[in-house]
Protein backbone atom coordinates (compact mmCIF):
# COMPACT_ATOMS: atom_id res chain seq x y z
CA MET A 1 112.16 -51.76 39.21
CA GLU A 2 114.77 -53.74 41.09
CA ARG A 3 118.23 -54.69 39.83
CA LEU A 4 118.23 -58.42 40.34
CA ASP A 5 121.94 -58.87 39.64
CA GLN A 6 122.60 -57.25 43.00
CA ILE A 7 120.59 -59.86 44.89
CA GLU A 8 122.54 -62.89 46.04
CA PRO A 9 120.39 -65.85 47.20
CA ARG A 10 122.16 -66.20 50.55
CA LEU A 11 121.69 -62.57 51.53
CA THR A 12 118.27 -63.39 52.91
CA LYS A 13 117.73 -65.01 56.28
CA ARG A 14 115.53 -67.65 54.80
CA ASN A 15 117.07 -70.44 52.78
CA VAL A 16 117.03 -70.35 49.01
CA MET A 17 115.15 -72.90 46.98
CA LYS A 18 116.87 -72.94 43.58
CA LYS A 19 114.74 -73.33 40.49
CA THR A 20 116.65 -73.91 37.26
CA ILE A 21 115.11 -72.74 34.03
CA VAL A 22 117.07 -72.64 30.80
CA VAL A 23 116.82 -70.30 27.85
CA LYS A 24 119.10 -70.86 24.87
CA VAL A 25 119.77 -67.63 22.96
CA VAL A 26 121.09 -68.06 19.42
CA THR A 27 121.43 -64.77 17.47
CA GLY A 28 117.93 -63.45 17.63
CA SER A 29 116.06 -66.67 18.32
CA ILE A 30 115.32 -68.58 21.50
CA ALA A 31 114.79 -72.26 22.16
CA LEU A 32 113.10 -72.56 25.53
CA GLY A 33 113.17 -75.52 27.85
CA CYS A 34 110.84 -75.00 30.77
CA ALA A 35 109.30 -77.35 33.31
CA VAL A 36 106.23 -76.59 35.38
CA LEU A 37 107.35 -76.01 38.92
CA GLY A 38 105.87 -78.06 41.71
CA LEU A 39 106.71 -80.78 44.18
CA ARG A 40 105.89 -84.46 44.29
CA ALA A 41 106.63 -87.25 46.68
CA SER A 42 110.26 -88.10 47.22
CA SER A 43 111.99 -90.61 44.97
CA HIS A 44 113.49 -92.37 47.97
CA ARG A 45 110.46 -94.57 48.67
CA GLU A 46 112.17 -97.36 46.77
CA ALA A 47 110.44 -100.51 48.07
CA PRO A 48 106.82 -101.33 49.02
CA LEU A 49 107.36 -102.15 52.71
CA ILE A 50 109.44 -99.11 53.60
CA THR A 51 106.77 -96.71 52.33
CA ALA A 52 104.86 -97.45 55.55
CA MET A 53 107.88 -96.63 57.74
CA PRO A 54 109.22 -93.24 56.59
CA LYS A 55 111.25 -92.65 59.76
CA LEU A 56 113.36 -95.69 58.87
CA ASP A 57 113.66 -94.98 55.16
CA ALA A 58 117.26 -94.34 54.06
CA THR A 59 117.09 -91.79 51.26
CA ASP A 60 120.72 -91.23 50.29
CA PHE A 61 124.25 -92.26 51.16
CA TYR A 62 127.47 -90.35 50.51
CA MET A 63 131.10 -91.13 51.31
CA PHE A 64 134.03 -89.08 50.07
CA ASN A 65 137.51 -87.95 50.93
CA SER A 66 137.01 -84.64 52.72
CA TYR A 67 137.82 -81.72 50.44
CA GLU A 68 137.61 -79.05 53.13
CA ASP A 69 140.95 -77.25 53.42
CA GLY A 70 143.19 -78.93 55.97
CA ARG A 71 141.03 -82.07 56.30
CA SER A 72 142.58 -84.33 53.63
CA ASN A 73 143.25 -87.05 56.23
CA TYR A 74 139.52 -87.50 56.83
CA VAL A 75 136.57 -89.22 55.16
CA THR A 76 133.11 -87.65 55.31
CA ILE A 77 130.11 -90.00 55.49
CA VAL A 78 126.49 -88.85 55.10
CA ALA A 79 123.43 -91.04 55.62
CA ASN A 80 120.09 -89.35 54.98
CA TYR A 81 116.77 -90.60 56.35
CA LEU A 82 113.08 -89.73 56.48
CA PRO A 83 112.20 -88.46 52.99
CA ASP A 84 109.71 -85.91 51.74
CA GLN A 85 109.96 -83.54 54.71
CA SER A 86 107.86 -80.48 54.03
CA PRO A 87 109.25 -77.34 55.68
CA THR A 88 105.74 -76.68 56.98
CA GLY A 89 105.43 -80.12 58.62
CA GLY A 90 104.26 -78.96 62.03
CA PRO A 91 103.21 -79.21 64.72
CA ASN A 92 105.35 -82.30 65.37
CA PHE A 93 107.79 -81.92 62.49
CA PHE A 94 110.15 -84.85 61.89
CA MET A 95 111.54 -86.62 64.92
CA MET A 96 113.46 -89.86 64.52
CA GLU A 97 112.29 -93.29 65.68
CA THR A 98 113.34 -94.11 69.25
CA ASN A 99 112.60 -97.80 68.83
CA ALA A 100 115.17 -98.34 66.10
CA LEU A 101 118.85 -98.59 65.27
CA TYR A 102 120.31 -96.37 62.55
CA GLU A 103 123.67 -97.71 61.42
CA ILE A 104 126.55 -97.04 59.04
CA HIS A 105 128.67 -100.08 58.28
CA ILE A 106 132.29 -100.18 57.07
CA ASP A 107 133.94 -103.17 55.40
CA ASN A 108 137.70 -102.55 55.39
CA ASN A 109 139.00 -105.97 54.34
CA GLY A 110 136.89 -106.71 51.27
CA ASP A 111 134.71 -109.55 52.54
CA ALA A 112 131.35 -107.69 52.42
CA ARG A 113 130.95 -108.00 56.20
CA GLU A 114 130.93 -105.08 58.58
CA ASP A 115 134.22 -104.50 60.42
CA ILE A 116 133.15 -101.19 61.95
CA THR A 117 129.60 -100.06 62.65
CA PHE A 118 128.54 -96.56 63.68
CA GLN A 119 125.30 -97.16 65.59
CA PHE A 120 122.92 -94.29 66.39
CA ARG A 121 120.03 -94.56 68.84
CA PHE A 122 117.58 -91.82 69.82
CA THR A 123 115.74 -90.84 72.98
CA ASN A 124 113.32 -87.97 73.46
CA GLU A 125 113.16 -85.66 76.46
CA VAL A 126 109.64 -84.23 76.71
CA LYS A 127 109.67 -81.27 79.07
CA GLY A 128 105.91 -81.10 79.37
CA ILE A 129 105.77 -77.29 79.25
CA SER A 130 102.40 -76.29 80.68
CA LEU A 131 100.39 -73.10 81.05
CA PRO A 132 97.88 -72.10 83.76
CA ILE A 133 94.55 -71.50 82.06
CA GLY A 134 91.58 -69.75 83.68
CA PRO A 135 91.05 -67.31 86.57
CA ALA A 136 91.91 -67.96 90.19
CA GLY A 137 89.53 -70.54 91.66
CA ASN A 138 88.85 -72.01 88.26
CA GLN A 139 92.34 -72.55 86.95
CA VAL A 140 93.74 -75.61 85.19
CA THR A 141 97.33 -76.15 84.19
CA ASN A 142 97.49 -77.90 80.82
CA PRO A 143 100.43 -79.09 78.72
CA VAL A 144 100.90 -77.11 75.50
CA PRO A 145 100.33 -78.88 72.13
CA LEU A 146 103.43 -77.46 70.43
CA ILE A 147 107.11 -78.41 70.43
CA ASN A 148 108.09 -74.83 71.27
CA VAL A 149 106.44 -71.92 73.04
CA GLY A 150 108.86 -69.14 72.13
CA SER A 151 112.03 -68.33 70.24
CA ILE A 152 115.04 -70.65 70.24
CA ALA A 153 118.69 -69.78 69.74
CA ALA A 154 122.14 -71.27 70.16
CA GLY A 155 122.60 -71.72 73.90
CA ASP A 156 118.98 -70.85 74.69
CA THR A 157 116.47 -73.68 74.27
CA ALA A 158 114.29 -73.01 77.31
CA ASN A 159 111.25 -72.63 75.04
CA LEU A 160 111.82 -75.96 73.34
CA ASN A 161 109.33 -78.55 74.58
CA VAL A 162 110.94 -81.69 73.10
CA ILE A 163 114.67 -82.34 72.93
CA GLU A 164 115.91 -85.17 70.73
CA LYS A 165 119.06 -86.83 72.02
CA TYR A 166 121.12 -89.62 70.52
CA SER A 167 124.05 -91.83 71.32
CA LEU A 168 126.75 -92.99 68.92
CA THR A 169 128.43 -96.33 69.54
CA ILE A 170 131.31 -97.94 67.66
CA ILE A 171 130.97 -101.71 67.16
CA ARG A 172 133.99 -103.70 66.04
CA GLY A 173 133.11 -106.91 64.21
CA ASP A 174 129.58 -108.23 63.91
CA ARG A 175 127.07 -105.42 64.38
CA ARG A 176 125.08 -107.38 66.98
CA THR A 177 127.77 -109.35 68.81
CA GLY A 178 130.91 -107.26 68.36
CA ALA A 179 132.76 -105.14 70.92
CA MET A 180 130.87 -101.89 71.63
CA THR A 181 132.52 -98.60 72.64
CA PRO A 182 130.71 -95.27 73.02
CA VAL A 183 131.86 -92.23 71.07
CA THR A 184 132.37 -89.24 73.35
CA GLY A 185 132.49 -85.51 72.85
CA GLN A 186 135.23 -83.18 73.99
CA GLN A 187 133.55 -82.80 77.38
CA GLY A 188 133.32 -86.56 77.86
CA THR A 189 129.61 -86.81 77.13
CA ASN A 190 128.28 -89.77 75.18
CA LEU A 191 124.85 -88.25 74.61
CA PHE A 192 124.40 -85.67 71.86
CA ILE A 193 121.56 -83.35 70.85
CA LYS A 194 119.83 -83.18 67.49
CA PRO A 195 118.75 -79.60 66.76
CA VAL A 196 115.03 -79.16 66.28
CA ASP A 197 113.85 -78.87 62.69
CA ASN A 198 113.68 -75.46 61.02
CA ILE A 199 110.24 -74.49 62.34
CA GLY A 200 110.44 -70.96 60.96
CA ASN A 201 112.17 -67.61 61.30
CA LYS A 202 110.10 -66.43 64.26
CA SER A 203 110.80 -69.55 66.30
CA ILE A 204 114.47 -69.74 65.29
CA PRO A 205 115.66 -66.37 63.91
CA ASP A 206 119.21 -67.62 63.17
CA TYR A 207 118.89 -71.29 62.29
CA THR A 208 122.40 -71.54 60.86
CA ASN A 209 124.07 -70.46 64.09
CA TYR A 210 121.66 -72.54 66.16
CA ALA A 211 122.21 -75.75 64.17
CA ASN A 212 125.98 -75.24 63.95
CA SER A 213 126.14 -75.19 67.75
CA TYR A 214 125.35 -78.93 67.55
CA ILE A 215 128.34 -79.78 65.38
CA TYR A 216 130.40 -81.86 67.77
CA THR A 217 134.10 -82.60 67.91
CA VAL A 218 134.24 -86.24 68.95
CA ASN A 219 136.76 -88.85 70.01
CA PHE A 220 136.74 -92.16 68.16
CA PRO A 221 137.99 -94.96 70.42
CA GLY A 222 141.57 -95.93 69.59
CA SER A 223 142.24 -92.89 67.39
CA THR A 224 144.36 -89.92 68.41
CA ASN A 225 142.69 -87.69 65.82
CA PRO A 226 139.29 -86.26 66.76
CA GLY A 227 136.51 -86.21 64.20
CA LYS A 228 133.25 -84.34 63.69
CA LEU A 229 129.60 -85.27 64.15
CA PHE A 230 126.29 -83.68 63.21
CA VAL A 231 122.80 -85.14 63.13
CA GLY A 232 119.97 -82.88 62.10
CA GLN A 233 117.69 -81.60 59.41
CA ARG A 234 119.22 -80.46 56.11
CA LYS A 235 117.94 -79.35 52.72
CA ASP A 236 117.52 -82.56 50.69
CA PRO A 237 120.69 -82.72 48.55
CA PHE A 238 119.30 -85.24 46.07
CA VAL A 239 118.38 -83.66 42.74
CA VAL A 240 116.08 -85.53 40.37
CA ASN A 241 113.39 -84.83 37.80
CA LEU A 242 111.26 -87.36 39.58
CA GLY A 243 107.83 -87.20 37.99
CA GLU A 244 108.95 -87.41 34.38
CA THR A 245 111.61 -90.05 35.11
CA PHE A 246 109.14 -92.47 36.67
CA ASP A 247 106.40 -91.63 34.17
CA LEU A 248 108.04 -93.87 31.55
CA ILE A 249 110.84 -91.29 31.11
CA ASN A 250 108.42 -88.60 29.96
CA LEU A 251 111.18 -86.27 28.77
CA ASN A 252 113.96 -86.02 26.21
CA PRO A 253 116.57 -88.35 27.78
CA VAL A 254 119.40 -86.85 25.72
CA GLY A 255 118.32 -83.23 25.99
CA PRO A 256 120.01 -80.39 27.90
CA ALA A 257 121.23 -81.34 31.36
CA ALA A 258 119.72 -78.38 33.21
CA ILE A 259 116.24 -77.58 31.93
CA GLU A 260 113.99 -79.70 34.15
CA LYS A 261 112.78 -79.18 37.67
CA ASP A 262 114.24 -80.76 40.78
CA ALA A 263 111.22 -82.45 42.33
CA LEU A 264 112.87 -82.27 45.77
CA ALA A 265 113.74 -78.58 45.63
CA GLY A 266 111.27 -77.80 48.40
CA LYS A 267 112.04 -80.77 50.65
CA ASN A 268 114.25 -81.47 53.67
CA VAL A 269 115.76 -84.67 55.09
CA THR A 270 117.42 -85.74 58.33
CA SER A 271 121.17 -86.22 57.93
CA PHE A 272 123.65 -88.27 59.92
CA ILE A 273 127.03 -86.71 59.06
CA LEU A 274 130.40 -87.96 60.25
CA GLU A 275 133.95 -86.86 59.52
CA VAL A 276 136.22 -89.75 60.47
CA PRO A 277 140.05 -90.05 60.37
CA LYS A 278 141.13 -92.26 57.51
CA ASP A 279 143.40 -94.30 59.77
CA PHE A 280 140.38 -95.19 61.91
CA LEU A 281 138.53 -96.63 58.91
CA THR A 282 141.24 -98.47 56.98
CA ALA A 283 142.99 -101.76 57.78
CA GLY A 284 145.86 -102.78 55.52
CA THR A 285 144.27 -101.40 52.33
CA ASN A 286 143.22 -97.94 51.21
CA VAL A 287 139.85 -99.10 49.86
CA ILE A 288 136.84 -99.25 52.14
CA ALA A 289 133.22 -100.14 51.40
CA ALA A 290 130.15 -98.89 53.23
CA TRP A 291 126.36 -98.94 53.44
CA THR A 292 123.69 -97.72 55.84
CA THR A 293 120.79 -99.62 57.42
CA ALA A 294 117.85 -98.99 59.71
CA SER A 295 116.41 -101.73 61.90
CA LYS A 296 113.31 -101.89 64.06
CA ILE A 297 113.82 -103.05 67.63
CA GLU A 298 111.33 -105.82 68.34
CA ALA A 299 110.66 -108.21 71.21
CA ASP A 300 112.74 -110.97 69.67
CA GLY A 301 115.61 -108.80 68.39
CA THR A 302 116.06 -106.40 65.49
CA ASN A 303 114.51 -106.42 62.04
CA GLN A 304 116.38 -104.62 59.25
CA VAL A 305 113.93 -102.78 57.00
CA SER A 306 116.11 -100.34 55.07
CA ARG A 307 119.48 -100.59 53.35
CA LEU A 308 121.36 -98.24 51.04
CA GLY A 309 124.80 -98.22 49.44
CA HIS A 310 124.57 -97.01 45.84
CA ALA A 311 121.69 -94.67 45.14
CA LEU A 312 119.09 -95.88 42.61
CA VAL A 313 120.06 -99.56 42.73
CA ASN A 314 116.84 -100.57 44.44
CA GLU A 315 114.82 -98.05 42.42
CA LEU A 316 116.10 -98.91 38.93
CA VAL A 317 117.93 -102.25 39.12
CA ILE A 318 116.26 -104.61 41.61
CA GLY A 319 113.02 -106.18 40.37
CA LEU A 320 109.77 -105.30 42.10
CA PRO A 321 109.27 -108.72 43.80
CA ASP A 322 112.68 -108.50 45.50
CA LYS A 323 112.84 -104.85 46.58
CA ASP A 324 111.81 -105.58 50.18
CA LEU A 325 114.19 -108.55 50.27
CA PHE A 326 117.08 -106.34 49.17
CA ASN A 327 116.32 -103.90 51.98
CA SER A 328 116.34 -106.68 54.55
CA VAL A 329 119.59 -108.52 53.76
CA MET A 330 123.25 -107.78 54.23
CA PRO A 331 125.69 -107.50 51.28
CA THR A 332 126.92 -111.06 51.84
CA ALA A 333 123.56 -112.26 50.47
CA ASP A 334 123.72 -110.23 47.26
CA ALA A 335 124.74 -113.17 45.07
CA ALA A 336 121.09 -114.24 45.05
CA LEU A 337 120.14 -110.93 43.40
CA ALA A 338 123.15 -110.56 41.07
CA GLN A 339 121.10 -111.38 37.97
CA TYR A 340 119.44 -107.98 38.22
CA VAL A 341 122.87 -106.40 37.67
CA THR A 342 124.24 -108.83 35.08
CA HIS A 343 120.99 -108.80 33.07
CA PRO A 344 119.32 -105.45 33.88
CA THR A 345 115.82 -104.61 32.68
CA PHE A 346 116.08 -100.81 32.79
CA PRO A 347 118.12 -100.43 29.55
CA ALA A 348 115.60 -102.66 27.80
CA ILE A 349 112.80 -100.39 29.00
CA VAL A 350 114.65 -97.35 27.63
CA GLU A 351 115.01 -99.08 24.25
CA LEU A 352 111.32 -99.97 24.19
CA LEU A 353 110.35 -96.37 24.90
CA PHE A 354 112.77 -94.73 22.48
CA SER A 355 113.44 -97.35 19.80
CA SER A 356 111.78 -95.12 17.21
CA ALA A 357 114.57 -92.61 17.85
CA GLY A 358 117.20 -95.28 17.32
CA VAL A 359 118.09 -95.91 20.97
CA LYS A 360 119.53 -99.38 21.55
CA ALA A 361 120.20 -101.14 24.85
CA PRO A 362 123.64 -102.71 25.38
CA THR A 363 124.01 -106.21 23.97
CA LEU A 364 126.79 -107.45 26.26
CA PHE A 365 125.74 -110.12 28.77
CA PRO A 366 126.57 -110.53 31.53
CA ARG A 367 127.01 -106.78 32.09
CA SER A 368 130.55 -106.83 33.47
CA ASP A 369 130.60 -103.02 33.44
CA LEU A 370 127.66 -102.81 35.86
CA VAL A 371 129.17 -105.53 38.03
CA SER A 372 132.31 -103.40 38.45
CA VAL A 373 130.38 -100.23 39.26
CA PHE A 374 127.85 -101.72 41.70
CA LEU A 375 129.23 -105.04 42.96
CA THR A 376 133.05 -105.17 42.91
CA GLY A 377 134.43 -101.69 42.44
CA VAL A 378 136.29 -100.39 39.41
CA ALA A 379 139.63 -102.04 38.61
CA GLY A 380 142.51 -99.68 39.31
CA VAL A 381 140.25 -97.32 41.24
CA ASN A 382 138.40 -98.94 44.15
CA GLN A 383 138.01 -102.66 43.49
CA THR A 384 137.69 -105.13 46.37
CA SER A 385 137.54 -108.92 46.42
CA ALA A 386 133.87 -109.33 47.39
CA THR A 387 130.97 -109.26 44.94
CA ALA A 388 128.36 -107.27 46.83
CA GLU A 389 126.46 -104.01 46.51
CA MET A 390 128.36 -101.46 48.64
CA LEU A 391 129.62 -97.92 48.06
CA ARG A 392 133.41 -98.20 47.75
CA LEU A 393 136.00 -95.46 48.30
CA ASN A 394 139.73 -95.39 47.71
CA THR A 395 140.89 -93.22 50.60
CA ALA A 396 144.22 -92.60 48.82
CA THR A 397 142.60 -90.86 45.84
CA PRO A 398 143.60 -87.17 45.90
CA THR A 399 140.71 -84.82 46.54
CA VAL A 400 139.52 -82.32 43.96
CA PRO A 401 138.51 -78.82 45.15
CA ALA A 402 134.81 -78.10 44.84
CA ASN A 403 135.25 -75.57 42.04
CA GLN A 404 137.19 -78.11 39.96
CA GLN A 405 134.96 -81.15 40.49
CA ASN A 406 133.23 -82.72 37.50
CA ASN A 407 129.70 -83.68 38.47
CA LEU A 408 129.89 -86.79 36.26
CA GLY A 409 132.72 -88.22 38.35
CA VAL A 410 134.80 -91.12 37.08
CA ILE A 411 133.14 -91.41 33.66
CA ALA A 412 134.26 -87.82 32.98
CA GLY A 413 137.82 -88.37 34.24
CA ASP A 414 137.32 -87.12 37.81
CA THR A 415 138.38 -90.21 39.76
CA ALA A 416 137.60 -88.55 43.10
CA GLY A 417 133.88 -88.73 42.26
CA TYR A 418 131.20 -91.39 41.91
CA PRO A 419 131.45 -94.40 41.82
CA ASN A 420 134.68 -93.89 43.77
CA GLY A 421 132.60 -92.89 46.76
CA ARG A 422 130.01 -90.20 46.20
CA ARG A 423 130.23 -86.44 46.77
CA PRO A 424 127.19 -84.19 47.24
CA GLY A 425 127.72 -82.56 43.84
CA ASP A 426 128.00 -85.79 41.85
CA ASP A 427 125.01 -86.06 39.50
CA ILE A 428 124.12 -89.59 40.49
CA VAL A 429 121.05 -89.75 38.23
CA ASP A 430 122.85 -88.78 35.02
CA ILE A 431 125.83 -91.00 35.87
CA THR A 432 123.61 -94.00 36.55
CA LEU A 433 121.60 -93.47 33.36
CA ARG A 434 124.75 -93.30 31.27
CA VAL A 435 126.38 -96.28 32.94
CA ALA A 436 123.20 -98.34 32.57
CA MET A 437 123.06 -97.52 28.85
CA GLY A 438 126.69 -98.53 28.33
CA VAL A 439 128.97 -95.50 28.51
CA LEU A 440 131.77 -97.78 29.77
CA LEU A 441 131.33 -100.25 26.88
CA SER A 442 132.47 -100.18 23.28
CA THR A 443 130.01 -99.05 20.63
CA ASN A 444 129.89 -102.64 19.41
CA ASP A 445 128.42 -103.69 22.75
CA ALA A 446 126.48 -100.49 23.40
CA PRO A 447 125.42 -98.78 20.14
CA SER A 448 123.76 -95.92 22.04
CA GLY A 449 126.13 -95.91 25.01
CA GLN A 450 127.83 -92.62 24.26
CA LEU A 451 124.66 -90.53 24.19
CA PRO A 452 124.47 -87.86 26.95
CA TYR A 453 121.59 -89.36 28.93
CA THR A 454 120.11 -87.04 31.54
CA ASP A 455 116.97 -86.44 33.57
CA GLY A 456 117.46 -82.72 32.96
CA ALA A 457 117.77 -81.79 36.66
CA TYR A 458 121.20 -80.32 37.33
CA VAL A 459 123.43 -80.51 40.40
CA ASP A 460 127.08 -79.79 41.06
CA ALA A 461 129.37 -78.94 43.96
CA SER A 462 128.44 -75.25 43.88
CA ARG A 463 125.11 -76.12 45.54
CA PHE A 464 126.86 -77.16 48.75
CA TYR A 465 129.30 -75.88 51.35
CA THR A 466 132.99 -76.62 50.94
CA ASN A 467 133.37 -77.53 54.60
CA PHE A 468 131.68 -79.76 57.16
CA PRO A 469 128.78 -80.51 57.26
CA TYR A 470 128.69 -79.72 53.50
CA LEU A 471 124.89 -79.96 53.17
CA LYS A 472 122.90 -76.75 53.32
CA GLU A 473 120.53 -75.73 56.09
CA PRO A 474 116.93 -76.95 55.80
CA LEU A 475 114.24 -74.81 54.27
CA ALA A 476 112.31 -72.87 56.90
CA GLY A 477 108.64 -73.46 57.60
CA SER A 478 107.91 -69.74 57.55
CA PRO A 479 107.55 -66.96 56.58
CA ASN A 480 105.29 -67.68 53.65
CA ASP A 481 106.57 -64.56 51.93
CA LEU A 482 104.62 -63.31 48.93
CA SER A 483 107.78 -61.81 47.42
CA VAL A 484 110.32 -63.82 45.47
CA LEU A 485 114.01 -63.02 45.23
CA VAL A 486 115.71 -64.11 42.05
CA THR A 487 119.17 -64.11 40.54
CA LEU A 488 119.65 -64.44 36.80
CA GLU A 489 122.77 -66.39 35.84
CA ALA A 490 124.26 -67.15 32.43
CA SER A 491 126.72 -69.62 30.94
CA THR A 492 128.54 -69.51 27.61
CA ASN A 493 129.62 -73.13 28.08
CA GLY A 494 126.25 -74.79 27.75
CA ALA A 495 124.29 -76.28 30.61
CA VAL A 496 127.39 -77.58 32.38
CA GLY A 497 128.44 -74.02 33.22
CA PRO A 498 129.98 -72.37 35.03
CA PHE A 499 127.12 -69.96 35.56
CA THR A 500 127.73 -66.40 36.70
CA ALA A 501 125.32 -63.67 37.76
CA VAL A 502 124.40 -61.23 34.99
CA PRO A 503 122.82 -57.76 35.22
CA ALA A 504 119.05 -57.90 35.06
CA VAL A 505 116.17 -55.52 35.66
CA TYR A 506 112.63 -56.55 36.48
CA ASP A 507 109.88 -54.69 34.64
CA PRO A 508 106.77 -55.09 36.85
CA GLN A 509 104.40 -53.74 34.18
CA GLN A 510 105.53 -56.20 31.53
CA ARG A 511 106.50 -58.85 34.11
CA LYS A 512 109.81 -59.39 32.36
CA LEU A 513 113.44 -59.78 33.30
CA VAL A 514 115.59 -57.70 30.98
CA THR A 515 119.32 -58.31 30.52
CA PRO A 516 121.65 -56.69 27.96
CA LYS A 517 122.36 -58.56 24.71
CA THR A 518 125.86 -57.41 23.79
CA ASP A 519 126.98 -60.10 21.32
CA ASP A 520 125.79 -63.12 19.33
CA ALA A 521 127.21 -65.75 21.69
CA ILE A 522 125.08 -68.71 22.67
CA ARG A 523 124.06 -68.43 26.30
CA ILE A 524 122.19 -70.64 28.72
CA PHE A 525 120.30 -68.66 31.34
CA ARG A 526 119.48 -70.07 34.75
CA LEU A 527 116.94 -68.45 37.05
CA ASN A 528 117.43 -69.09 40.78
CA ALA A 529 114.52 -68.21 43.01
CA ASP A 530 113.45 -68.67 46.62
CA GLY A 531 109.87 -69.37 45.59
CA PRO A 532 107.89 -70.74 42.64
CA VAL A 533 108.68 -68.76 39.48
CA ASN A 534 108.13 -69.83 35.89
CA LEU A 535 109.25 -68.61 32.48
CA ASP A 536 106.47 -67.70 30.11
CA ALA A 537 107.46 -68.93 26.64
CA ARG A 538 104.91 -66.59 25.01
CA ARG A 539 106.66 -63.42 26.21
CA ILE A 540 110.31 -63.79 25.24
CA ASP A 541 112.30 -61.84 22.68
CA THR A 542 115.96 -60.95 22.11
CA VAL A 543 115.95 -57.55 20.40
CA PRO A 544 117.49 -55.26 21.53
CA ASN A 545 117.87 -57.03 24.89
CA VAL A 546 117.10 -60.50 26.15
CA GLN A 547 113.64 -60.15 27.69
CA LEU A 548 112.35 -63.09 29.69
CA GLY A 549 108.70 -63.18 30.67
CA ILE A 550 108.14 -64.60 34.14
CA THR A 551 105.03 -65.69 36.01
CA ARG A 552 104.20 -66.99 39.47
């Protein structure tokens, strides 16, 4: 037997894939919420056209006042691309498109037009590593079919066959006609390296140290304060109970907030992460707005095919006929699509599905609350003059330390969170569900608006680093270890936590986790594992200890 309370997830060299399973213990009885573990396609494939161009698909966008100690004068921006990356996605893994422009746009005067653009462009250096095959007199030298032929480490990439490089250019004004200035590193270089994806522990024994060696300190033109830059693979930070949500909300939408699976728990993404001085971004006002785009480079110019500001707007707000249109236009054109926000269909769908339970969609039209969240900013928090879908941030809002952040952001009184920017630990799905159903409205206008809507997949700031680049390392492609390391955690404050590790012993004969039951308090248990593990509802009891049956 092994004492599981002594195992911390990050003690292993491989990255931990957290699985959250909840058991509610109430004086001798247990109510179990348990989802079958497994992975499905990413939720980020939000429009028909972009599904055919995954390398250009923007999956998520974050912007927040940096809460790393000593970095309060900076804003961190994260744009994630290329969804549904399996850790075992060899032999080519997930290189970015060289015939494209990846961009982050900043509007700092409230007119919904870009004033600053961070433009990324990639090139690949193929070394053409070859091996002599055959005996003397009958020997042929052939290029290898793999992207590496040996181990890779920080400062030692001789065995890497393909090196991805990228440039970062600042554009002032119009993104295609404005003044362009390259961003340079501390050594004066304007070409940076993207670390190779996390192939596996044999190829890259210390991926953390290797990837961190490509965190650059950079000079932004016109600023005396250097910033930071990283582009590379990360564990997908988006948490969503994807399958049930898009299967006509096939779950209890007002159930516990942490009992369902994260469909992206086993997936990686490619992240563009910047830490930029606030004085470089602002111009006369503390509020900035931002969005990210990807554009194909074609013979007659560029063709924008992906756009993202607020997560879930294209998934849950924009109607199916206009999803591709939304991805192709700039925020200045959003007036043509405003009816999807003022008269949204999603709340009506929720009412249709759950009317028998008394759920009612908001009755206020136009939906001024949704307009403020998605199109104008919230009055007194981050409002700007333009009516356009952009992620807005008040750079003067004081930061909240990670351990004090509320993952429901502004609607829970934490004004440093979404929709005032977006931090990695903000539960964007639950917030959006509650806002859509009228949490910001009176009960006269939204009879069901105060219900705790949730997809059941939980995220908070504890899942991420408290310093740049904030997002965790990507899951490794190997080893495919047959063992599973788990940590049992408990909360006496419901599913919102905090959760702390509790003593537990694994009984291999009974296949049970056993933890002491010392009082009659209600506890929520969370099981974190680095592989697929499930609770078996048929093998659970609470006398004299809490005994949790587990299966693989």
